[in-house]
């Protein structure tokens, strides 16, 4: 029997959320009430409900409530951009012997468990699988170990840079749900 590729789900939740504060929000956007729960709780729960194992959360700027069984990855370099959080996730995956990471964002509570499952299971031999919503790319994004060395290590773009540079490596995966960011107080109201 062939080995089953091992992929970990990773929710990136390390940033400062400055746009939320600038829009008049109190506290961190990931902790803002969204349909009765913190924004980030939805993202983590949807990754868990997808059945991926392990599920990890990259943290940095603020303490995040993490359910039992979810691995926490600390990113002390979070202020240097989202690429450092992806680097922390990839380093943990590499140390664990994973074959891929499936990346989602803590500020995207409407990415469904089915989207996580579809992207994780996408076939076709592509090194990168990206969820699409009505033809628009979003999250989650699955990155095979073969592309990890190509990822930027700093800055505010990560996998997007890689997908632009290597479109031949990308498979688009139609997904249900919405890949919208909750960045401002208005976003919380609009999507709740």
N, C-alpha and C. Protein backbone atom coordinates (compact mmCIF):
# COMPACT_ATOMS: atom_id res chain seq x y z
N UNK A 1 0.85 -1.19 0.00
CA UNK A 1 0.00 0.00 0.00
C UNK A 1 0.89 1.24 0.00
N UNK A 2 0.57 2.22 -0.84
CA UNK A 2 1.36 3.45 -0.95
C UNK A 2 1.18 4.31 0.29
N UNK A 3 2.22 5.06 0.61
CA UNK A 3 2.12 5.98 1.74
C UNK A 3 1.15 7.10 1.40
N UNK A 4 0.36 7.48 2.39
CA UNK A 4 -0.57 8.59 2.22
C UNK A 4 0.19 9.87 2.51
N UNK A 5 0.18 10.87 1.61
CA UNK A 5 0.87 12.12 1.89
C UNK A 5 0.35 12.75 3.18
N UNK A 6 1.26 13.26 3.96
CA UNK A 6 0.90 13.88 5.24
C UNK A 6 0.90 15.39 5.08
N UNK A 7 -0.26 15.99 5.31
CA UNK A 7 -0.40 17.45 5.21
C UNK A 7 -0.97 17.97 6.52
N UNK A 8 -0.43 19.08 6.97
CA UNK A 8 -0.96 19.71 8.17
C UNK A 8 -1.74 20.95 7.78
N UNK A 9 -2.84 21.19 8.51
CA UNK A 9 -3.61 22.42 8.34
C UNK A 9 -2.97 23.49 9.22
N UNK A 10 -2.81 24.68 8.68
CA UNK A 10 -2.19 25.77 9.43
C UNK A 10 -3.06 27.01 9.29
N UNK A 11 -3.46 27.57 10.43
CA UNK A 11 -4.19 28.84 10.46
C UNK A 11 -3.18 29.91 10.86
N UNK A 12 -2.96 30.87 9.98
CA UNK A 12 -2.05 31.97 10.27
C UNK A 12 -2.80 33.03 11.07
N UNK A 13 -2.33 33.29 12.30
CA UNK A 13 -3.04 34.21 13.21
C UNK A 13 -2.05 35.01 14.05
N UNK A 14 -0.97 35.47 13.41
CA UNK A 14 0.10 36.12 14.17
C UNK A 14 0.13 37.65 14.03
N UNK A 15 -0.55 38.22 13.03
CA UNK A 15 -0.43 39.65 12.75
C UNK A 15 -1.08 40.55 13.78
N UNK A 16 -0.81 41.84 13.66
CA UNK A 16 -1.27 42.83 14.64
C UNK A 16 -2.71 43.29 14.40
N UNK A 17 -3.23 43.14 13.20
CA UNK A 17 -4.61 43.58 12.94
C UNK A 17 -4.78 45.08 13.02
N UNK A 18 -3.83 45.83 12.49
CA UNK A 18 -3.85 47.30 12.64
C UNK A 18 -5.02 47.97 11.93
N UNK A 19 -5.49 47.40 10.83
CA UNK A 19 -6.63 48.02 10.12
C UNK A 19 -7.90 47.99 10.97
N UNK A 20 -8.03 46.96 11.78
CA UNK A 20 -9.20 46.86 12.66
C UNK A 20 -9.18 48.00 13.68
N UNK A 21 -8.05 48.21 14.32
CA UNK A 21 -7.93 49.30 15.29
C UNK A 21 -8.14 50.65 14.61
N UNK A 22 -7.58 50.82 13.42
CA UNK A 22 -7.73 52.08 12.68
C UNK A 22 -9.18 52.35 12.30
N UNK A 23 -9.99 51.29 12.18
CA UNK A 23 -11.40 51.46 11.81
C UNK A 23 -12.29 51.71 13.03
N UNK A 24 -11.67 51.80 14.21
CA UNK A 24 -12.44 52.07 15.42
C UNK A 24 -12.69 50.84 16.28
N UNK A 25 -12.12 49.72 15.89
CA UNK A 25 -12.31 48.49 16.65
C UNK A 25 -11.51 48.50 17.95
N UNK A 26 -12.08 47.85 18.95
CA UNK A 26 -11.39 47.71 20.23
C UNK A 26 -10.81 46.31 20.31
N UNK A 27 -9.59 46.20 20.78
CA UNK A 27 -8.94 44.91 20.88
C UNK A 27 -8.44 44.44 19.53
N UNK A 28 -8.11 43.18 19.45
CA UNK A 28 -7.56 42.59 18.22
C UNK A 28 -8.70 42.05 17.36
N UNK A 29 -8.58 42.19 16.04
CA UNK A 29 -9.65 41.75 15.14
C UNK A 29 -9.94 40.26 15.25
N UNK A 30 -8.93 39.45 15.51
CA UNK A 30 -9.15 38.01 15.60
C UNK A 30 -10.01 37.63 16.80
N UNK A 31 -10.08 38.53 17.78
CA UNK A 31 -10.87 38.29 18.98
C UNK A 31 -12.22 38.99 18.94
N UNK A 32 -12.48 39.73 17.86
CA UNK A 32 -13.76 40.44 17.70
C UNK A 32 -14.90 39.43 17.63
N UNK A 33 -16.04 39.80 18.20
CA UNK A 33 -17.22 38.94 18.17
C UNK A 33 -17.75 38.83 16.75
N UNK A 34 -17.86 37.60 16.27
CA UNK A 34 -18.39 37.31 14.94
C UNK A 34 -19.38 36.16 15.10
N UNK A 35 -20.65 36.48 14.99
CA UNK A 35 -21.70 35.47 15.14
C UNK A 35 -21.59 34.74 16.49
N UNK A 36 -21.24 35.52 17.54
CA UNK A 36 -21.22 34.98 18.88
C UNK A 36 -19.92 34.34 19.33
N UNK A 37 -18.91 34.36 18.48
CA UNK A 37 -17.61 33.77 18.81
C UNK A 37 -16.50 34.63 18.22
N UNK A 38 -15.27 34.49 18.72
CA UNK A 38 -14.16 35.24 18.11
C UNK A 38 -13.96 34.85 16.65
N UNK A 39 -13.59 35.83 15.84
CA UNK A 39 -13.34 35.60 14.41
C UNK A 39 -12.44 34.38 14.21
N UNK A 40 -11.33 34.33 14.93
CA UNK A 40 -10.35 33.26 14.73
C UNK A 40 -10.90 31.89 15.10
N UNK A 41 -11.85 31.82 16.02
CA UNK A 41 -12.42 30.53 16.41
C UNK A 41 -13.08 29.83 15.22
N UNK A 42 -13.73 30.61 14.36
CA UNK A 42 -14.37 30.03 13.18
C UNK A 42 -13.33 29.40 12.26
N UNK A 43 -12.24 30.12 12.00
CA UNK A 43 -11.20 29.61 11.10
C UNK A 43 -10.59 28.33 11.65
N UNK A 44 -10.27 28.31 12.94
CA UNK A 44 -9.69 27.12 13.55
C UNK A 44 -10.68 25.96 13.52
N UNK A 45 -11.92 26.21 13.91
CA UNK A 45 -12.93 25.14 13.92
C UNK A 45 -13.18 24.56 12.54
N UNK A 46 -13.17 25.40 11.52
CA UNK A 46 -13.40 24.89 10.16
C UNK A 46 -12.25 24.00 9.71
N UNK A 47 -11.01 24.36 10.10
CA UNK A 47 -9.88 23.49 9.78
C UNK A 47 -10.02 22.15 10.52
N UNK A 48 -10.43 22.20 11.78
CA UNK A 48 -10.65 20.97 12.55
C UNK A 48 -11.76 20.11 11.95
N UNK A 49 -12.86 20.75 11.57
CA UNK A 49 -14.00 20.02 11.01
C UNK A 49 -13.67 19.38 9.67
N UNK A 50 -12.65 19.89 9.01
CA UNK A 50 -12.24 19.31 7.72
C UNK A 50 -11.57 17.96 7.90
N UNK A 51 -11.18 17.64 9.13
CA UNK A 51 -10.58 16.35 9.40
C UNK A 51 -9.09 16.28 9.13
N UNK A 52 -8.45 17.42 8.93
CA UNK A 52 -7.00 17.41 8.70
C UNK A 52 -6.29 17.23 10.04
N UNK A 53 -5.14 16.57 9.98
CA UNK A 53 -4.42 16.29 11.21
C UNK A 53 -2.93 16.31 10.91
N UNK A 54 -2.17 17.12 11.60
CA UNK A 54 -2.60 17.98 12.70
C UNK A 54 -3.15 19.30 12.20
N UNK A 55 -3.79 20.03 13.12
CA UNK A 55 -4.20 21.42 12.87
C UNK A 55 -3.32 22.28 13.77
N UNK A 56 -2.75 23.31 13.18
CA UNK A 56 -1.82 24.19 13.88
C UNK A 56 -2.26 25.64 13.72
N UNK A 57 -1.88 26.47 14.68
CA UNK A 57 -2.15 27.91 14.62
C UNK A 57 -0.83 28.62 14.86
N UNK A 58 -0.48 29.53 13.95
CA UNK A 58 0.72 30.35 14.13
C UNK A 58 0.28 31.63 14.83
N UNK A 59 0.87 31.91 15.99
CA UNK A 59 0.51 33.07 16.81
C UNK A 59 1.70 34.00 16.96
N UNK A 60 1.38 35.26 17.32
CA UNK A 60 2.45 36.23 17.49
C UNK A 60 2.05 37.46 18.25
N UNK A 61 1.27 38.35 17.62
CA UNK A 61 0.97 39.66 18.19
C UNK A 61 0.07 39.63 19.41
N UNK A 62 -0.83 38.65 19.47
CA UNK A 62 -1.78 38.60 20.59
C UNK A 62 -2.06 37.14 20.96
N UNK A 63 -2.50 36.96 22.18
CA UNK A 63 -2.88 35.61 22.62
C UNK A 63 -4.17 35.18 21.92
N UNK A 64 -4.18 33.99 21.42
CA UNK A 64 -5.32 33.45 20.68
C UNK A 64 -5.87 32.26 21.47
N UNK A 65 -7.20 32.18 21.63
CA UNK A 65 -7.77 31.00 22.27
C UNK A 65 -7.65 29.80 21.32
N UNK A 66 -6.94 28.79 21.77
CA UNK A 66 -6.68 27.63 20.92
C UNK A 66 -7.28 26.39 21.58
N UNK A 67 -8.17 25.69 20.88
CA UNK A 67 -8.78 24.49 21.46
C UNK A 67 -7.75 23.40 21.73
N UNK A 68 -8.09 22.52 22.66
CA UNK A 68 -7.25 21.37 22.96
C UNK A 68 -7.02 20.57 21.69
N UNK A 69 -5.83 20.06 21.53
CA UNK A 69 -5.50 19.25 20.37
C UNK A 69 -4.96 20.03 19.19
N UNK A 70 -5.01 21.36 19.27
CA UNK A 70 -4.47 22.19 18.20
C UNK A 70 -3.07 22.62 18.60
N UNK A 71 -2.13 22.41 17.71
CA UNK A 71 -0.73 22.74 17.96
C UNK A 71 -0.52 24.25 17.78
N UNK A 72 0.22 24.85 18.69
CA UNK A 72 0.54 26.28 18.60
C UNK A 72 1.98 26.42 18.11
N UNK A 73 2.16 27.26 17.10
CA UNK A 73 3.49 27.58 16.59
C UNK A 73 3.72 29.06 16.86
N UNK A 74 4.72 29.37 17.65
CA UNK A 74 5.05 30.77 17.97
C UNK A 74 5.85 31.38 16.84
N UNK A 75 5.50 32.61 16.47
CA UNK A 75 6.28 33.36 15.48
C UNK A 75 6.77 34.66 16.12
N UNK A 76 7.97 34.67 16.68
CA UNK A 76 8.48 35.88 17.29
C UNK A 76 8.78 36.98 16.28
N UNK A 77 8.82 36.63 14.99
CA UNK A 77 9.13 37.62 13.94
C UNK A 77 7.87 38.11 13.22
N UNK A 78 6.70 37.96 13.83
CA UNK A 78 5.43 38.27 13.18
C UNK A 78 5.39 39.68 12.61
N UNK A 79 6.07 40.65 13.24
CA UNK A 79 6.02 42.04 12.78
C UNK A 79 6.74 42.25 11.45
N UNK A 80 7.49 41.25 11.00
CA UNK A 80 8.20 41.35 9.72
C UNK A 80 7.35 40.91 8.54
N UNK A 81 6.09 40.55 8.78
CA UNK A 81 5.19 40.21 7.68
C UNK A 81 4.71 38.78 7.71
N UNK A 82 3.66 38.53 6.94
CA UNK A 82 3.00 37.22 6.93
C UNK A 82 3.92 36.11 6.44
N UNK A 83 4.91 36.46 5.61
CA UNK A 83 5.83 35.43 5.12
C UNK A 83 6.58 34.77 6.27
N UNK A 84 6.83 35.50 7.36
CA UNK A 84 7.52 34.89 8.50
C UNK A 84 6.62 33.87 9.20
N UNK A 85 5.32 34.09 9.19
CA UNK A 85 4.40 33.11 9.78
C UNK A 85 4.34 31.86 8.92
N UNK A 86 4.33 32.04 7.62
CA UNK A 86 4.35 30.89 6.72
C UNK A 86 5.66 30.12 6.89
N UNK A 87 6.76 30.84 7.05
CA UNK A 87 8.05 30.21 7.28
C UNK A 87 8.03 29.38 8.56
N UNK A 88 7.45 29.93 9.63
CA UNK A 88 7.36 29.18 10.90
C UNK A 88 6.54 27.91 10.71
N UNK A 89 5.46 28.00 9.95
CA UNK A 89 4.61 26.83 9.70
C UNK A 89 5.36 25.78 8.88
N UNK A 90 6.04 26.22 7.84
CA UNK A 90 6.79 25.30 6.98
C UNK A 90 7.93 24.65 7.76
N UNK A 91 8.61 25.42 8.59
CA UNK A 91 9.69 24.85 9.40
C UNK A 91 9.16 23.75 10.32
N UNK A 92 8.00 23.98 10.93
CA UNK A 92 7.38 22.96 11.80
C UNK A 92 6.97 21.74 10.99
N UNK A 93 6.42 21.96 9.81
CA UNK A 93 6.01 20.85 8.95
C UNK A 93 7.21 20.03 8.50
N UNK A 94 8.27 20.72 8.15
CA UNK A 94 9.48 20.03 7.71
C UNK A 94 10.06 19.19 8.84
N UNK A 95 10.11 19.76 10.05
CA UNK A 95 10.63 19.03 11.22
C UNK A 95 9.78 17.80 11.53
N UNK A 96 8.48 17.87 11.25
CA UNK A 96 7.57 16.76 11.53
C UNK A 96 7.52 15.72 10.40
N UNK A 97 8.17 16.02 9.28
CA UNK A 97 8.16 15.09 8.16
C UNK A 97 6.91 15.17 7.30
N UNK A 98 6.21 16.31 7.34
CA UNK A 98 5.01 16.48 6.53
C UNK A 98 5.38 16.64 5.06
N UNK A 99 4.44 16.28 4.19
CA UNK A 99 4.63 16.39 2.75
C UNK A 99 4.05 17.69 2.19
N UNK A 100 3.15 18.35 2.96
CA UNK A 100 2.49 19.56 2.50
C UNK A 100 1.91 20.31 3.68
N UNK A 101 1.63 21.59 3.46
CA UNK A 101 0.87 22.38 4.41
C UNK A 101 -0.35 22.92 3.68
N UNK A 102 -1.46 23.02 4.40
CA UNK A 102 -2.67 23.63 3.85
C UNK A 102 -2.91 24.86 4.70
N UNK A 103 -2.76 26.03 4.09
CA UNK A 103 -2.73 27.29 4.80
C UNK A 103 -4.06 28.03 4.70
N UNK A 104 -4.56 28.48 5.84
CA UNK A 104 -5.73 29.35 5.91
C UNK A 104 -5.39 30.55 6.78
N UNK A 105 -6.28 31.53 6.79
CA UNK A 105 -6.04 32.76 7.54
C UNK A 105 -7.02 32.87 8.70
N UNK A 106 -6.52 33.30 9.84
CA UNK A 106 -7.34 33.45 11.03
C UNK A 106 -8.43 34.48 10.91
N UNK A 107 -8.29 35.42 9.96
CA UNK A 107 -9.31 36.46 9.79
C UNK A 107 -10.29 36.14 8.66
N UNK A 108 -10.38 34.86 8.30
CA UNK A 108 -11.32 34.42 7.26
C UNK A 108 -12.28 33.38 7.83
N UNK A 109 -13.28 33.83 8.58
CA UNK A 109 -14.19 32.89 9.25
C UNK A 109 -15.18 32.18 8.34
N UNK A 110 -15.30 32.60 7.09
CA UNK A 110 -16.29 32.01 6.19
C UNK A 110 -15.71 30.98 5.23
N UNK A 111 -14.44 30.66 5.38
CA UNK A 111 -13.85 29.56 4.60
C UNK A 111 -14.35 28.27 5.23
N UNK A 112 -15.09 27.50 4.47
CA UNK A 112 -15.80 26.34 5.00
C UNK A 112 -14.89 25.13 5.21
N UNK A 113 -15.31 24.20 6.07
CA UNK A 113 -14.57 22.94 6.19
C UNK A 113 -14.43 22.23 4.85
N UNK A 114 -15.47 22.30 4.02
CA UNK A 114 -15.41 21.66 2.71
C UNK A 114 -14.31 22.27 1.84
N UNK A 115 -14.10 23.59 1.94
CA UNK A 115 -13.02 24.22 1.18
C UNK A 115 -11.67 23.67 1.64
N UNK A 116 -11.48 23.55 2.96
CA UNK A 116 -10.24 22.96 3.48
C UNK A 116 -10.05 21.55 2.92
N UNK A 117 -11.12 20.73 2.95
CA UNK A 117 -11.03 19.35 2.47
C UNK A 117 -10.69 19.30 0.98
N UNK A 118 -11.39 20.10 0.19
CA UNK A 118 -11.17 20.06 -1.27
C UNK A 118 -9.74 20.45 -1.63
N UNK A 119 -9.23 21.49 -1.01
CA UNK A 119 -7.87 21.93 -1.33
C UNK A 119 -6.86 20.90 -0.86
N UNK A 120 -7.06 20.35 0.34
CA UNK A 120 -6.14 19.34 0.86
C UNK A 120 -6.09 18.11 -0.03
N UNK A 121 -7.24 17.72 -0.57
CA UNK A 121 -7.34 16.49 -1.35
C UNK A 121 -7.21 16.69 -2.85
N UNK A 122 -6.99 17.91 -3.29
CA UNK A 122 -6.93 18.20 -4.73
C UNK A 122 -5.91 17.30 -5.42
N UNK A 123 -6.33 16.74 -6.53
CA UNK A 123 -5.47 15.84 -7.28
C UNK A 123 -5.01 16.54 -8.55
N UNK A 124 -4.13 15.93 -9.27
CA UNK A 124 -3.68 16.51 -10.52
C UNK A 124 -2.19 16.73 -10.54
N UNK A 125 -1.51 16.37 -9.45
CA UNK A 125 -0.06 16.46 -9.43
C UNK A 125 0.51 17.85 -9.26
N UNK A 126 -0.34 18.85 -9.01
CA UNK A 126 0.15 20.22 -8.84
C UNK A 126 0.81 20.38 -7.48
N UNK A 127 1.91 21.12 -7.44
CA UNK A 127 2.62 21.38 -6.18
C UNK A 127 1.87 22.39 -5.32
N UNK A 128 1.01 23.20 -5.96
CA UNK A 128 0.23 24.22 -5.25
C UNK A 128 -1.23 24.06 -5.64
N UNK A 129 -2.10 23.99 -4.65
CA UNK A 129 -3.54 23.98 -4.91
C UNK A 129 -4.12 25.17 -4.18
N UNK A 130 -4.97 25.94 -4.85
CA UNK A 130 -5.54 27.14 -4.25
C UNK A 130 -7.06 27.13 -4.39
N UNK A 131 -7.74 27.44 -3.30
CA UNK A 131 -9.19 27.53 -3.34
C UNK A 131 -9.62 28.73 -4.16
N UNK A 132 -10.69 28.54 -4.95
CA UNK A 132 -11.26 29.66 -5.69
C UNK A 132 -12.73 29.79 -5.34
N UNK A 133 -13.22 31.01 -5.40
CA UNK A 133 -14.59 31.35 -5.06
C UNK A 133 -15.13 32.20 -6.20
N UNK A 134 -16.05 31.62 -6.96
CA UNK A 134 -16.55 32.29 -8.17
C UNK A 134 -15.40 32.73 -9.07
N UNK A 135 -14.40 31.86 -9.18
CA UNK A 135 -13.27 32.12 -10.07
C UNK A 135 -12.17 32.99 -9.51
N UNK A 136 -12.32 33.46 -8.27
CA UNK A 136 -11.31 34.33 -7.65
C UNK A 136 -10.52 33.51 -6.63
N UNK A 137 -9.20 33.59 -6.74
CA UNK A 137 -8.34 32.84 -5.82
C UNK A 137 -8.44 33.39 -4.40
N UNK A 138 -8.39 32.47 -3.44
CA UNK A 138 -8.42 32.84 -2.04
C UNK A 138 -7.66 31.81 -1.21
N UNK A 139 -8.22 31.43 -0.09
CA UNK A 139 -7.64 30.42 0.79
C UNK A 139 -8.66 29.32 1.00
N UNK A 140 -8.22 28.17 1.40
CA UNK A 140 -6.88 27.76 1.73
C UNK A 140 -6.00 27.52 0.51
N UNK A 141 -4.70 27.37 0.80
CA UNK A 141 -3.70 27.09 -0.22
C UNK A 141 -2.87 25.92 0.27
N UNK A 142 -2.76 24.89 -0.57
CA UNK A 142 -1.91 23.75 -0.22
C UNK A 142 -0.56 23.92 -0.93
N UNK A 143 0.50 23.79 -0.15
CA UNK A 143 1.85 23.92 -0.67
C UNK A 143 2.61 22.62 -0.41
N UNK A 144 3.01 21.94 -1.47
CA UNK A 144 3.80 20.72 -1.33
C UNK A 144 5.21 21.07 -0.87
N UNK A 145 5.85 20.14 -0.22
CA UNK A 145 7.21 20.36 0.28
C UNK A 145 8.17 20.78 -0.82
N UNK A 146 7.92 20.36 -2.04
CA UNK A 146 8.82 20.69 -3.15
C UNK A 146 8.92 22.18 -3.42
N UNK A 147 7.90 22.97 -3.02
CA UNK A 147 7.95 24.42 -3.28
C UNK A 147 8.35 25.23 -2.05
N UNK A 148 8.49 24.60 -0.90
CA UNK A 148 8.84 25.35 0.30
C UNK A 148 10.11 26.18 0.15
N UNK A 149 11.17 25.66 -0.51
CA UNK A 149 12.38 26.48 -0.66
C UNK A 149 12.18 27.72 -1.53
N UNK A 150 11.10 27.76 -2.31
CA UNK A 150 10.84 28.89 -3.20
C UNK A 150 10.06 30.02 -2.53
N UNK A 151 9.56 29.78 -1.33
CA UNK A 151 8.73 30.78 -0.64
C UNK A 151 9.57 31.94 -0.11
N UNK A 152 9.03 33.17 -0.17
CA UNK A 152 9.73 34.28 0.44
C UNK A 152 9.78 34.10 1.96
N UNK A 153 10.83 34.56 2.59
CA UNK A 153 11.01 34.38 4.03
C UNK A 153 10.58 35.59 4.85
N UNK A 154 10.41 36.74 4.20
CA UNK A 154 9.95 37.96 4.88
C UNK A 154 8.98 38.69 3.96
N UNK A 155 8.29 39.66 4.55
CA UNK A 155 7.40 40.50 3.75
C UNK A 155 5.93 40.17 3.95
N UNK A 156 5.09 40.96 3.31
CA UNK A 156 3.65 40.83 3.47
C UNK A 156 2.98 40.02 2.37
N UNK A 157 3.75 39.36 1.57
CA UNK A 157 3.21 38.40 0.61
C UNK A 157 3.97 37.10 0.81
N UNK A 158 3.29 36.03 0.59
CA UNK A 158 3.95 34.73 0.79
C UNK A 158 3.67 33.85 -0.42
N UNK A 159 2.66 33.00 -0.33
CA UNK A 159 2.36 32.07 -1.42
C UNK A 159 1.93 32.80 -2.70
N UNK A 160 1.32 33.97 -2.55
CA UNK A 160 0.89 34.72 -3.74
C UNK A 160 2.06 35.02 -4.67
N UNK A 161 3.18 35.40 -4.07
CA UNK A 161 4.39 35.69 -4.85
C UNK A 161 4.81 34.44 -5.63
N UNK A 162 4.80 33.32 -4.96
CA UNK A 162 5.18 32.05 -5.58
C UNK A 162 4.23 31.68 -6.72
N UNK A 163 2.92 31.86 -6.50
CA UNK A 163 1.94 31.51 -7.53
C UNK A 163 2.08 32.40 -8.77
N UNK A 164 2.40 33.68 -8.55
CA UNK A 164 2.62 34.58 -9.70
C UNK A 164 3.87 34.17 -10.48
N UNK A 165 4.91 33.78 -9.77
CA UNK A 165 6.17 33.43 -10.42
C UNK A 165 6.12 32.06 -11.11
N UNK A 166 5.27 31.16 -10.61
CA UNK A 166 5.21 29.79 -11.14
C UNK A 166 3.78 29.35 -11.39
N UNK A 167 3.07 29.99 -12.32
CA UNK A 167 1.67 29.62 -12.56
C UNK A 167 1.50 28.17 -13.03
N UNK A 168 2.56 27.59 -13.59
CA UNK A 168 2.51 26.21 -14.06
C UNK A 168 2.41 25.21 -12.92
N UNK A 169 2.69 25.63 -11.69
CA UNK A 169 2.64 24.75 -10.53
C UNK A 169 1.29 24.78 -9.81
N UNK A 170 0.37 25.64 -10.29
CA UNK A 170 -0.86 25.93 -9.54
C UNK A 170 -2.08 25.22 -10.13
N UNK A 171 -2.84 24.62 -9.23
CA UNK A 171 -4.14 24.03 -9.57
C UNK A 171 -5.21 24.81 -8.82
N UNK A 172 -6.18 25.35 -9.54
CA UNK A 172 -7.30 26.05 -8.89
C UNK A 172 -8.38 25.05 -8.53
N UNK A 173 -8.92 25.20 -7.30
CA UNK A 173 -9.90 24.26 -6.77
C UNK A 173 -11.17 25.03 -6.41
N UNK A 174 -12.26 24.89 -7.17
CA UNK A 174 -13.51 25.58 -6.83
C UNK A 174 -14.01 25.14 -5.45
N UNK A 175 -14.39 26.12 -4.63
CA UNK A 175 -14.79 25.85 -3.25
C UNK A 175 -16.09 26.58 -2.89
N UNK A 176 -16.84 25.99 -1.95
CA UNK A 176 -18.01 26.68 -1.40
C UNK A 176 -17.55 27.63 -0.29
N UNK A 177 -18.41 28.54 0.08
CA UNK A 177 -18.09 29.48 1.16
C UNK A 177 -17.57 30.79 0.61
N UNK A 178 -16.86 31.52 1.47
CA UNK A 178 -16.31 32.81 1.06
C UNK A 178 -14.93 32.98 1.66
N UNK A 179 -14.01 33.45 0.85
CA UNK A 179 -12.65 33.71 1.31
C UNK A 179 -12.48 35.21 1.49
N UNK A 180 -13.26 35.77 2.43
CA UNK A 180 -13.19 37.21 2.67
C UNK A 180 -12.46 37.46 3.99
N UNK A 181 -11.66 38.52 4.00
CA UNK A 181 -10.95 38.92 5.21
C UNK A 181 -11.86 39.78 6.08
N UNK A 182 -11.76 39.57 7.38
CA UNK A 182 -12.41 40.45 8.34
C UNK A 182 -11.31 41.35 8.89
N UNK A 183 -11.18 42.54 8.28
CA UNK A 183 -10.10 43.46 8.63
C UNK A 183 -10.55 44.67 9.41
N UNK A 184 -11.84 45.05 9.29
CA UNK A 184 -12.34 46.27 9.90
C UNK A 184 -13.63 46.00 10.68
N UNK A 185 -14.05 46.99 11.46
CA UNK A 185 -15.33 46.88 12.16
C UNK A 185 -16.45 46.71 11.14
N UNK A 186 -16.37 47.43 10.03
CA UNK A 186 -17.38 47.31 8.98
C UNK A 186 -17.45 45.89 8.42
N UNK A 187 -16.29 45.24 8.26
CA UNK A 187 -16.26 43.86 7.78
C UNK A 187 -16.99 42.93 8.75
N UNK A 188 -16.77 43.11 10.04
CA UNK A 188 -17.43 42.27 11.04
C UNK A 188 -18.95 42.40 10.88
N UNK A 189 -19.42 43.63 10.75
CA UNK A 189 -20.85 43.88 10.59
C UNK A 189 -21.37 43.32 9.27
N UNK A 190 -20.65 43.56 8.19
CA UNK A 190 -21.09 43.13 6.87
C UNK A 190 -21.23 41.61 6.77
N UNK A 191 -20.27 40.86 7.30
CA UNK A 191 -20.25 39.41 7.11
C UNK A 191 -20.92 38.64 8.24
N UNK A 192 -21.25 39.32 9.35
CA UNK A 192 -21.95 38.62 10.45
C UNK A 192 -23.33 38.34 10.02
